[in-house]
Amino acid sequence: VPVLGVDPRWPMVMDVHGRYYFEPDAGGVLLSPCDSTP
């Protein structure tokens, strides 16, 4: 996701309910909805 306002020093952020995780990536964030579809 290209987005402004991301600090490259942030850790990976993971929702304890398993709804998402994201981490800094060049020019934005790498994002997942934590889907687990058979």
PDB file of all heavy atoms in Angstrom:
ATOM      1  N   VAL A   1       0.853  -1.186   0.000  1.00  0.00           N
ATOM      2  CA  VAL A   1       0.000   0.000   0.000  1.00  0.00           C
ATOM      3  C   VAL A   1       0.889   1.237   0.000  1.00  0.00           C
ATOM      4  O   VAL A   1       1.630   1.478   0.958  1.00  0.00           O
ATOM      5  CB  VAL A   1      -0.917   0.026   1.240  1.00  0.00           C
ATOM      6  CG1 VAL A   1      -1.802   1.264   1.233  1.00  0.00           C
ATOM      7  CG2 VAL A   1      -1.762  -1.241   1.303  1.00  0.00           C
ATOM      8  N   PRO A   2       0.870   2.025  -1.074  1.00  0.00           N
ATOM      9  CA  PRO A   2       1.648   3.268  -1.075  1.00  0.00           C
ATOM     10  C   PRO A   2       0.960   4.299  -0.189  1.00  0.00           C
ATOM     11  O   PRO A   2      -0.216   4.632  -0.390  1.00  0.00           O
ATOM     12  CB  PRO A   2       1.618   3.691  -2.555  1.00  0.00           C
ATOM     13  CG  PRO A   2       0.371   3.087  -3.095  1.00  0.00           C
ATOM     14  CD  PRO A   2       0.128   1.817  -2.327  1.00  0.00           C
ATOM     15  N   VAL A   3       1.665   4.792   0.812  1.00  0.00           N
ATOM     16  CA  VAL A   3       1.042   5.699   1.765  1.00  0.00           C
ATOM     17  C   VAL A   3       2.124   6.545   2.437  1.00  0.00           C
ATOM     18  O   VAL A   3       3.236   6.060   2.693  1.00  0.00           O
ATOM     19  CB  VAL A   3       0.215   4.918   2.811  1.00  0.00           C
ATOM     20  CG1 VAL A   3       1.106   4.025   3.662  1.00  0.00           C
ATOM     21  CG2 VAL A   3      -0.608   5.849   3.680  1.00  0.00           C
ATOM     22  N   LEU A   4       1.796   7.793   2.721  1.00  0.00           N
ATOM     23  CA  LEU A   4       2.718   8.685   3.417  1.00  0.00           C
ATOM     24  C   LEU A   4       2.565   8.531   4.928  1.00  0.00           C
ATOM     25  O   LEU A   4       1.562   8.022   5.418  1.00  0.00           O
ATOM     26  CB  LEU A   4       2.450  10.132   3.005  1.00  0.00           C
ATOM     27  CG  LEU A   4       2.632  10.462   1.525  1.00  0.00           C
ATOM     28  CD1 LEU A   4       2.217  11.909   1.259  1.00  0.00           C
ATOM     29  CD2 LEU A   4       4.068  10.218   1.085  1.00  0.00           C
ATOM     30  N   GLY A   5       3.576   8.996   5.646  1.00  0.00           N
ATOM     31  CA  GLY A   5       3.494   9.015   7.102  1.00  0.00           C
ATOM     32  C   GLY A   5       3.985   7.757   7.775  1.00  0.00           C
ATOM     33  O   GLY A   5       3.725   7.542   8.966  1.00  0.00           O
ATOM     34  N   VAL A   6       4.706   6.888   7.058  1.00  0.00           N
ATOM     35  CA  VAL A   6       5.212   5.639   7.625  1.00  0.00           C
ATOM     36  C   VAL A   6       6.668   5.818   8.037  1.00  0.00           C
ATOM     37  O   VAL A   6       7.511   6.217   7.225  1.00  0.00           O
ATOM     38  CB  VAL A   6       5.084   4.486   6.615  1.00  0.00           C
ATOM     39  CG1 VAL A   6       5.675   3.205   7.190  1.00  0.00           C
ATOM     40  CG2 VAL A   6       3.623   4.279   6.215  1.00  0.00           C
ATOM     41  N   ASP A   7       6.968   5.505   9.273  1.00  0.00           N
ATOM     42  CA  ASP A   7       8.340   5.557   9.775  1.00  0.00           C
ATOM     43  C   ASP A   7       8.982   4.185   9.532  1.00  0.00           C
ATOM     44  O   ASP A   7       8.471   3.172  10.019  1.00  0.00           O
ATOM     45  CB  ASP A   7       8.330   5.866  11.272  1.00  0.00           C
ATOM     46  CG  ASP A   7       9.729   6.120  11.828  1.00  0.00           C
ATOM     47  OD1 ASP A   7      10.706   5.581  11.269  1.00  0.00           O
ATOM     48  OD2 ASP A   7       9.833   6.849  12.848  1.00  0.00           O
ATOM     49  N   PRO A   8      10.071   4.103   8.776  1.00  0.00           N
ATOM     50  CA  PRO A   8      10.690   2.802   8.492  1.00  0.00           C
ATOM     51  C   PRO A   8      11.198   2.081   9.734  1.00  0.00           C
ATOM     52  O   PRO A   8      11.507   0.886   9.672  1.00  0.00           O
ATOM     53  CB  PRO A   8      11.846   3.163   7.544  1.00  0.00           C
ATOM     54  CG  PRO A   8      12.115   4.614   7.780  1.00  0.00           C
ATOM     55  CD  PRO A   8      10.787   5.218   8.128  1.00  0.00           C
ATOM     56  N   ARG A   9      11.256   2.776  10.868  1.00  0.00           N
ATOM     57  CA  ARG A   9      11.713   2.141  12.113  1.00  0.00           C
ATOM     58  C   ARG A   9      10.588   1.441  12.866  1.00  0.00           C
ATOM     59  O   ARG A   9      10.839   0.782  13.879  1.00  0.00           O
ATOM     60  CB  ARG A   9      12.368   3.189  13.014  1.00  0.00           C
ATOM     61  CG  ARG A   9      13.638   3.814  12.423  1.00  0.00           C
ATOM     62  CD  ARG A   9      14.093   5.011  13.236  1.00  0.00           C
ATOM     63  NE  ARG A   9      13.088   6.086  13.193  1.00  0.00           N
ATOM     64  CZ  ARG A   9      13.218   7.251  13.822  1.00  0.00           C
ATOM     65  NH1 ARG A   9      14.311   7.493  14.536  1.00  0.00           N
ATOM     66  NH2 ARG A   9      12.270   8.169  13.731  1.00  0.00           N
ATOM     67  N   TRP A  10       9.352   1.586  12.409  1.00  0.00           N
ATOM     68  CA  TRP A  10       8.249   0.901  13.083  1.00  0.00           C
ATOM     69  C   TRP A  10       8.435  -0.614  13.022  1.00  0.00           C
ATOM     70  O   TRP A  10       8.963  -1.151  12.042  1.00  0.00           O
ATOM     71  CB  TRP A  10       6.926   1.236  12.401  1.00  0.00           C
ATOM     72  CG  TRP A  10       6.412   2.612  12.651  1.00  0.00           C
ATOM     73  CD1 TRP A  10       6.885   3.533  13.549  1.00  0.00           C
ATOM     74  CD2 TRP A  10       5.323   3.239  11.964  1.00  0.00           C
ATOM     75  NE1 TRP A  10       6.146   4.691  13.471  1.00  0.00           N
ATOM     76  CE2 TRP A  10       5.185   4.547  12.504  1.00  0.00           C
ATOM     77  CE3 TRP A  10       4.461   2.833  10.954  1.00  0.00           C
ATOM     78  CZ2 TRP A  10       4.206   5.431  12.057  1.00  0.00           C
ATOM     79  CZ3 TRP A  10       3.488   3.706  10.506  1.00  0.00           C
ATOM     80  CH2 TRP A  10       3.360   4.988  11.055  1.00  0.00           C
ATOM     81  N   PRO A  11       7.948  -1.317  14.027  1.00  0.00           N
ATOM     82  CA  PRO A  11       7.966  -2.778  13.972  1.00  0.00           C
ATOM     83  C   PRO A  11       6.832  -3.295  13.093  1.00  0.00           C
ATOM     84  O   PRO A  11       5.990  -2.512  12.612  1.00  0.00           O
ATOM     85  CB  PRO A  11       7.717  -3.165  15.435  1.00  0.00           C
ATOM     86  CG  PRO A  11       6.850  -2.051  15.952  1.00  0.00           C
ATOM     87  CD  PRO A  11       7.375  -0.797  15.283  1.00  0.00           C
ATOM     88  N   MET A  12       6.817  -4.586  12.854  1.00  0.00           N
ATOM     89  CA  MET A  12       5.614  -5.191  12.291  1.00  0.00           C
ATOM     90  C   MET A  12       4.519  -5.095  13.339  1.00  0.00           C
ATOM     91  O   MET A  12       4.752  -5.353  14.528  1.00  0.00           O
ATOM     92  CB  MET A  12       5.842  -6.660  11.926  1.00  0.00           C
ATOM     93  CG  MET A  12       4.568  -7.374  11.452  1.00  0.00           C
ATOM     94  SD  MET A  12       4.813  -9.123  11.056  1.00  0.00           S
ATOM     95  CE  MET A  12       5.544  -8.971   9.429  1.00  0.00           C
ATOM     96  N   VAL A  13       3.327  -4.682  12.923  1.00  0.00           N
ATOM     97  CA  VAL A  13       2.174  -4.562  13.812  1.00  0.00           C
ATOM     98  C   VAL A  13       1.212  -5.706  13.496  1.00  0.00           C
ATOM     99  O   VAL A  13       0.813  -5.880  12.337  1.00  0.00           O
ATOM    100  CB  VAL A  13       1.473  -3.205  13.644  1.00  0.00           C
ATOM    101  CG1 VAL A  13       0.221  -3.136  14.519  1.00  0.00           C
ATOM    102  CG2 VAL A  13       2.433  -2.064  13.978  1.00  0.00           C
ATOM    103  N   MET A  14       0.835  -6.464  14.522  1.00  0.00           N
ATOM    104  CA  MET A  14      -0.031  -7.619  14.322  1.00  0.00           C
ATOM    105  C   MET A  14      -1.199  -7.561  15.297  1.00  0.00           C
ATOM    106  O   MET A  14      -1.005  -7.433  16.513  1.00  0.00           O
ATOM    107  CB  MET A  14       0.768  -8.914  14.513  1.00  0.00           C
ATOM    108  CG  MET A  14       0.002 -10.180  14.176  1.00  0.00           C
ATOM    109  SD  MET A  14       1.081 -11.633  14.038  1.00  0.00           S
ATOM    110  CE  MET A  14       1.886 -11.305  12.461  1.00  0.00           C
ATOM    111  N   ASP A  15      -2.413  -7.617  14.774  1.00  0.00           N
ATOM    112  CA  ASP A  15      -3.613  -7.591  15.611  1.00  0.00           C
ATOM    113  C   ASP A  15      -3.776  -8.923  16.321  1.00  0.00           C
ATOM    114  O   ASP A  15      -3.747  -9.984  15.684  1.00  0.00           O
ATOM    115  CB  ASP A  15      -4.831  -7.307  14.733  1.00  0.00           C
ATOM    116  CG  ASP A  15      -6.129  -7.379  15.505  1.00  0.00           C
ATOM    117  OD1 ASP A  15      -6.219  -6.722  16.561  1.00  0.00           O
ATOM    118  OD2 ASP A  15      -7.042  -8.105  15.059  1.00  0.00           O
ATOM    119  N   VAL A  16      -3.958  -8.902  17.630  1.00  0.00           N
ATOM    120  CA  VAL A  16      -4.035 -10.149  18.394  1.00  0.00           C
ATOM    121  C   VAL A  16      -5.292 -10.937  18.074  1.00  0.00           C
ATOM    122  O   VAL A  16      -5.356 -12.149  18.304  1.00  0.00           O
ATOM    123  CB  VAL A  16      -3.924  -9.842  19.910  1.00  0.00           C
ATOM    124  CG1 VAL A  16      -5.235  -9.277  20.454  1.00  0.00           C
ATOM    125  CG2 VAL A  16      -3.491 -11.082  20.695  1.00  0.00           C
ATOM    126  N   HIS A  17      -6.312 -10.283  17.515  1.00  0.00           N
ATOM    127  CA  HIS A  17      -7.518 -10.992  17.074  1.00  0.00           C
ATOM    128  C   HIS A  17      -7.348 -11.631  15.695  1.00  0.00           C
ATOM    129  O   HIS A  17      -8.272 -12.293  15.209  1.00  0.00           O
ATOM    130  CB  HIS A  17      -8.712 -10.029  17.025  1.00  0.00           C
ATOM    131  CG  HIS A  17      -9.193  -9.569  18.368  1.00  0.00           C
ATOM    132  ND1 HIS A  17      -9.584 -10.437  19.362  1.00  0.00           N
ATOM    133  CD2 HIS A  17      -9.346  -8.314  18.875  1.00  0.00           C
ATOM    134  CE1 HIS A  17      -9.961  -9.743  20.426  1.00  0.00           C
ATOM    135  NE2 HIS A  17      -9.826  -8.463  20.164  1.00  0.00           N
ATOM    136  N   GLY A  18      -6.194 -11.413  15.068  1.00  0.00           N
ATOM    137  CA  GLY A  18      -5.942 -12.030  13.778  1.00  0.00           C
ATOM    138  C   GLY A  18      -6.646 -11.370  12.616  1.00  0.00           C
ATOM    139  O   GLY A  18      -6.959 -12.032  11.614  1.00  0.00           O
ATOM    140  N   ARG A  19      -6.857 -10.051  12.688  1.00  0.00           N
ATOM    141  CA  ARG A  19      -7.569  -9.369  11.610  1.00  0.00           C
ATOM    142  C   ARG A  19      -6.646  -8.709  10.597  1.00  0.00           C
ATOM    143  O   ARG A  19      -7.060  -8.462   9.464  1.00  0.00           O
ATOM    144  CB  ARG A  19      -8.507  -8.311  12.207  1.00  0.00           C
ATOM    145  CG  ARG A  19      -9.645  -8.916  13.021  1.00  0.00           C
ATOM    146  CD  ARG A  19     -10.514  -7.862  13.663  1.00  0.00           C
ATOM    147  NE  ARG A  19      -9.777  -7.096  14.669  1.00  0.00           N
ATOM    148  CZ  ARG A  19     -10.353  -6.345  15.610  1.00  0.00           C
ATOM    149  NH1 ARG A  19     -11.676  -6.233  15.627  1.00  0.00           N
ATOM    150  NH2 ARG A  19      -9.629  -5.686  16.486  1.00  0.00           N
ATOM    151  N   TYR A  20      -5.408  -8.421  10.976  1.00  0.00           N
ATOM    152  CA  TYR A  20      -4.475  -7.780  10.059  1.00  0.00           C
ATOM    153  C   TYR A  20      -3.071  -7.812  10.627  1.00  0.00           C
ATOM    154  O   TYR A  20      -2.852  -8.006  11.835  1.00  0.00           O
ATOM    155  CB  TYR A  20      -4.865  -6.311   9.808  1.00  0.00           C
ATOM    156  CG  TYR A  20      -4.784  -5.445  11.047  1.00  0.00           C
ATOM    157  CD1 TYR A  20      -3.596  -4.827  11.447  1.00  0.00           C
ATOM    158  CD2 TYR A  20      -5.910  -5.253  11.861  1.00  0.00           C
ATOM    159  CE1 TYR A  20      -3.522  -4.047  12.591  1.00  0.00           C
ATOM    160  CE2 TYR A  20      -5.850  -4.482  13.002  1.00  0.00           C
ATOM    161  CZ  TYR A  20      -4.657  -3.884  13.360  1.00  0.00           C
ATOM    162  OH  TYR A  20      -4.600  -3.129  14.511  1.00  0.00           O
ATOM    163  N   TYR A  21      -2.103  -7.631   9.739  1.00  0.00           N
ATOM    164  CA  TYR A  21      -0.760  -7.209  10.141  1.00  0.00           C
ATOM    165  C   TYR A  21      -0.224  -6.287   9.065  1.00  0.00           C
ATOM    166  O   TYR A  21      -0.645  -6.331   7.904  1.00  0.00           O
ATOM    167  CB  TYR A  21       0.183  -8.392  10.401  1.00  0.00           C
ATOM    168  CG  TYR A  21       0.661  -9.162   9.186  1.00  0.00           C
ATOM    169  CD1 TYR A  21       1.626  -8.647   8.317  1.00  0.00           C
ATOM    170  CD2 TYR A  21       0.170 -10.442   8.921  1.00  0.00           C
ATOM    171  CE1 TYR A  21       2.078  -9.361   7.218  1.00  0.00           C
ATOM    172  CE2 TYR A  21       0.607 -11.163   7.823  1.00  0.00           C
ATOM    173  CZ  TYR A  21       1.567 -10.622   6.979  1.00  0.00           C
ATOM    174  OH  TYR A  21       1.999 -11.347   5.891  1.00  0.00           O
ATOM    175  N   PHE A  22       0.681  -5.406   9.471  1.00  0.00           N
ATOM    176  CA  PHE A  22       1.357  -4.555   8.490  1.00  0.00           C
ATOM    177  C   PHE A  22       2.748  -4.225   9.008  1.00  0.00           C
ATOM    178  O   PHE A  22       3.029  -4.310  10.211  1.00  0.00           O
ATOM    179  CB  PHE A  22       0.559  -3.279   8.191  1.00  0.00           C
ATOM    180  CG  PHE A  22       0.474  -2.286   9.319  1.00  0.00           C
ATOM    181  CD1 PHE A  22       1.450  -1.314   9.505  1.00  0.00           C
ATOM    182  CD2 PHE A  22      -0.614  -2.306  10.207  1.00  0.00           C
ATOM    183  CE1 PHE A  22       1.365  -0.385  10.540  1.00  0.00           C
ATOM    184  CE2 PHE A  22      -0.702  -1.387  11.239  1.00  0.00           C
ATOM    185  CZ  PHE A  22       0.284  -0.422  11.412  1.00  0.00           C
ATOM    186  N   GLU A  23       3.621  -3.871   8.070  1.00  0.00           N
ATOM    187  CA  GLU A  23       4.977  -3.451   8.416  1.00  0.00           C
ATOM    188  C   GLU A  23       5.464  -2.453   7.384  1.00  0.00           C
ATOM    189  O   GLU A  23       4.959  -2.420   6.258  1.00  0.00           O
ATOM    190  CB  GLU A  23       5.925  -4.649   8.480  1.00  0.00           C
ATOM    191  CG  GLU A  23       6.169  -5.321   7.144  1.00  0.00           C
ATOM    192  CD  GLU A  23       7.201  -6.429   7.233  1.00  0.00           C
ATOM    193  OE1 GLU A  23       7.836  -6.562   8.296  1.00  0.00           O
ATOM    194  OE2 GLU A  23       7.394  -7.153   6.240  1.00  0.00           O
ATOM    195  N   PRO A  24       6.421  -1.591   7.747  1.00  0.00           N
ATOM    196  CA  PRO A  24       6.935  -0.616   6.790  1.00  0.00           C
ATOM    197  C   PRO A  24       7.526  -1.290   5.561  1.00  0.00           C
ATOM    198  O   PRO A  24       8.171  -2.341   5.650  1.00  0.00           O
ATOM    199  CB  PRO A  24       8.020   0.119   7.592  1.00  0.00           C
ATOM    200  CG  PRO A  24       7.623  -0.069   9.025  1.00  0.00           C
ATOM    201  CD  PRO A  24       7.025  -1.436   9.092  1.00  0.00           C
ATOM    202  N   ASP A  25       7.271  -0.686   4.424  1.00  0.00           N
ATOM    203  CA  ASP A  25       7.847  -1.125   3.159  1.00  0.00           C
ATOM    204  C   ASP A  25       8.207   0.144   2.397  1.00  0.00           C
ATOM    205  O   ASP A  25       7.644   1.209   2.657  1.00  0.00           O
ATOM    206  CB  ASP A  25       6.838  -1.967   2.375  1.00  0.00           C
ATOM    207  CG  ASP A  25       7.442  -2.577   1.128  1.00  0.00           C
ATOM    208  OD1 ASP A  25       8.075  -3.633   1.245  1.00  0.00           O
ATOM    209  OD2 ASP A  25       7.281  -1.988   0.032  1.00  0.00           O
ATOM    210  N   ALA A  26       9.127   0.058   1.470  1.00  0.00           N
ATOM    211  CA  ALA A  26       9.578   1.254   0.753  1.00  0.00           C
ATOM    212  C   ALA A  26       8.394   2.015   0.166  1.00  0.00           C
ATOM    213  O   ALA A  26       7.655   1.484  -0.655  1.00  0.00           O
ATOM    214  CB  ALA A  26      10.544   0.854  -0.357  1.00  0.00           C
ATOM    215  N   GLY A  27       8.181   3.239   0.639  1.00  0.00           N
ATOM    216  CA  GLY A  27       7.102   4.068   0.123  1.00  0.00           C
ATOM    217  C   GLY A  27       5.736   3.731   0.659  1.00  0.00           C
ATOM    218  O   GLY A  27       4.722   4.204   0.136  1.00  0.00           O
ATOM    219  N   GLY A  28       5.647   2.932   1.705  1.00  0.00           N
ATOM    220  CA  GLY A  28       4.342   2.581   2.251  1.00  0.00           C
ATOM    221  C   GLY A  28       4.426   1.443   3.246  1.00  0.00           C
ATOM    222  O   GLY A  28       5.350   1.385   4.049  1.00  0.00           O
ATOM    223  N   VAL A  29       3.429   0.533   3.179  1.00  0.00           N
ATOM    224  CA  VAL A  29       3.411  -0.607   4.084  1.00  0.00           C
ATOM    225  C   VAL A  29       3.093  -1.880   3.318  1.00  0.00           C
ATOM    226  O   VAL A  29       2.413  -1.866   2.282  1.00  0.00           O
ATOM    227  CB  VAL A  29       2.363  -0.444   5.224  1.00  0.00           C
ATOM    228  CG1 VAL A  29       2.690   0.734   6.109  1.00  0.00           C
ATOM    229  CG2 VAL A  29       0.951  -0.341   4.662  1.00  0.00           C
ATOM    230  N   LEU A  30       3.592  -2.993   3.832  1.00  0.00           N
ATOM    231  CA  LEU A  30       3.158  -4.317   3.404  1.00  0.00           C
ATOM    232  C   LEU A  30       2.029  -4.708   4.338  1.00  0.00           C
ATOM    233  O   LEU A  30       2.189  -4.683   5.563  1.00  0.00           O
ATOM    234  CB  LEU A  30       4.303  -5.314   3.483  1.00  0.00           C
ATOM    235  CG  LEU A  30       4.048  -6.730   2.941  1.00  0.00           C
ATOM    236  CD1 LEU A  30       5.362  -7.387   2.535  1.00  0.00           C
ATOM    237  CD2 LEU A  30       3.344  -7.625   3.960  1.00  0.00           C
ATOM    238  N   LEU A  31       0.885  -5.082   3.776  1.00  0.00           N
ATOM    239  CA  LEU A  31      -0.343  -5.275   4.547  1.00  0.00           C
ATOM    240  C   LEU A  31      -0.969  -6.619   4.222  1.00  0.00           C
ATOM    241  O   LEU A  31      -0.960  -7.056   3.072  1.00  0.00           O
ATOM    242  CB  LEU A  31      -1.331  -4.156   4.202  1.00  0.00           C
ATOM    243  CG  LEU A  31      -2.772  -4.269   4.681  1.00  0.00           C
ATOM    244  CD1 LEU A  31      -2.856  -4.162   6.208  1.00  0.00           C
ATOM    245  CD2 LEU A  31      -3.625  -3.192   4.010  1.00  0.00           C
ATOM    246  N   SER A  32      -1.518  -7.274   5.246  1.00  0.00           N
ATOM    247  CA  SER A  32      -2.275  -8.515   5.032  1.00  0.00           C
ATOM    248  C   SER A  32      -3.517  -8.509   5.905  1.00  0.00           C
ATOM    249  O   SER A  32      -3.473  -8.042   7.049  1.00  0.00           O
ATOM    250  CB  SER A  32      -1.428  -9.743   5.383  1.00  0.00           C
ATOM    251  OG  SER A  32      -2.216 -10.927   5.322  1.00  0.00           O
ATOM    252  N   PRO A  33      -4.637  -9.050   5.395  1.00  0.00           N
ATOM    253  CA  PRO A  33      -5.835  -9.196   6.223  1.00  0.00           C
ATOM    254  C   PRO A  33      -5.816 -10.472   7.059  1.00  0.00           C
ATOM    255  O   PRO A  33      -6.816 -10.817   7.683  1.00  0.00           O
ATOM    256  CB  PRO A  33      -6.958  -9.249   5.183  1.00  0.00           C
ATOM    257  CG  PRO A  33      -6.325  -9.915   4.002  1.00  0.00           C
ATOM    258  CD  PRO A  33      -4.899  -9.422   3.992  1.00  0.00           C
ATOM    259  N   CYS A  34      -4.677 -11.174   7.058  1.00  0.00           N
ATOM    260  CA  CYS A  34      -4.527 -12.423   7.833  1.00  0.00           C
ATOM    261  C   CYS A  34      -5.582 -13.454   7.451  1.00  0.00           C
ATOM    262  O   CYS A  34      -6.046 -14.222   8.303  1.00  0.00           O
ATOM    263  CB  CYS A  34      -4.567 -12.146   9.333  1.00  0.00           C
ATOM    264  SG  CYS A  34      -3.170 -11.183   9.942  1.00  0.00           S
ATOM    265  N   ASP A  35      -5.991 -13.454   6.172  1.00  0.00           N
ATOM    266  CA  ASP A  35      -6.949 -14.459   5.727  1.00  0.00           C
ATOM    267  C   ASP A  35      -6.316 -15.844   5.792  1.00  0.00           C
ATOM    268  O   ASP A  35      -5.100 -16.006   5.686  1.00  0.00           O
ATOM    269  CB  ASP A  35      -7.433 -14.154   4.311  1.00  0.00           C
ATOM    270  CG  ASP A  35      -6.289 -13.890   3.340  1.00  0.00           C
ATOM    271  OD1 ASP A  35      -5.320 -13.215   3.738  1.00  0.00           O
ATOM    272  OD2 ASP A  35      -6.354 -14.360   2.190  1.00  0.00           O
ATOM    273  N   SER A  36      -7.169 -16.835   5.953  1.00  0.00           N
ATOM    274  CA  SER A  36      -6.718 -18.223   6.048  1.00  0.00           C
ATOM    275  C   SER A  36      -7.763 -19.105   5.379  1.00  0.00           C
ATOM    276  O   SER A  36      -8.413 -19.932   6.020  1.00  0.00           O
ATOM    277  CB  SER A  36      -6.508 -18.610   7.513  1.00  0.00           C
ATOM    278  OG  SER A  36      -5.876 -19.862   7.635  1.00  0.00           O
ATOM    279  N   THR A  37      -7.906 -18.924   4.070  1.00  0.00           N
ATOM    280  CA  THR A  37      -8.970 -19.561   3.307  1.00  0.00           C
ATOM    281  C   THR A  37      -8.524 -20.928   2.804  1.00  0.00           C
ATOM    282  O   THR A  37      -7.506 -21.037   2.109  1.00  0.00           O
ATOM    283  CB  THR A  37      -9.348 -18.692   2.091  1.00  0.00           C
ATOM    284  OG1 THR A  37      -9.638 -17.364   2.540  1.00  0.00           O
ATOM    285  CG2 THR A  37     -10.547 -19.265   1.361  1.00  0.00           C
ATOM    286  N   PRO A  38      -9.263 -22.001   3.149  1.00  0.00           N
ATOM    287  CA  PRO A  38      -8.890 -23.342   2.646  1.00  0.00           C
ATOM    288  C   PRO A  38      -8.794 -23.346   1.126  1.00  0.00           C
ATOM    289  O   PRO A  38      -9.578 -22.701   0.427  1.00  0.00           O
ATOM    290  CB  PRO A  38     -10.034 -24.227   3.143  1.00  0.00           C
ATOM    291  CG  PRO A  38     -10.563 -23.525   4.348  1.00  0.00           C
ATOM    292  CD  PRO A  38     -10.441 -22.061   4.038  1.00  0.00           C
TER     293      PRO A  38
END
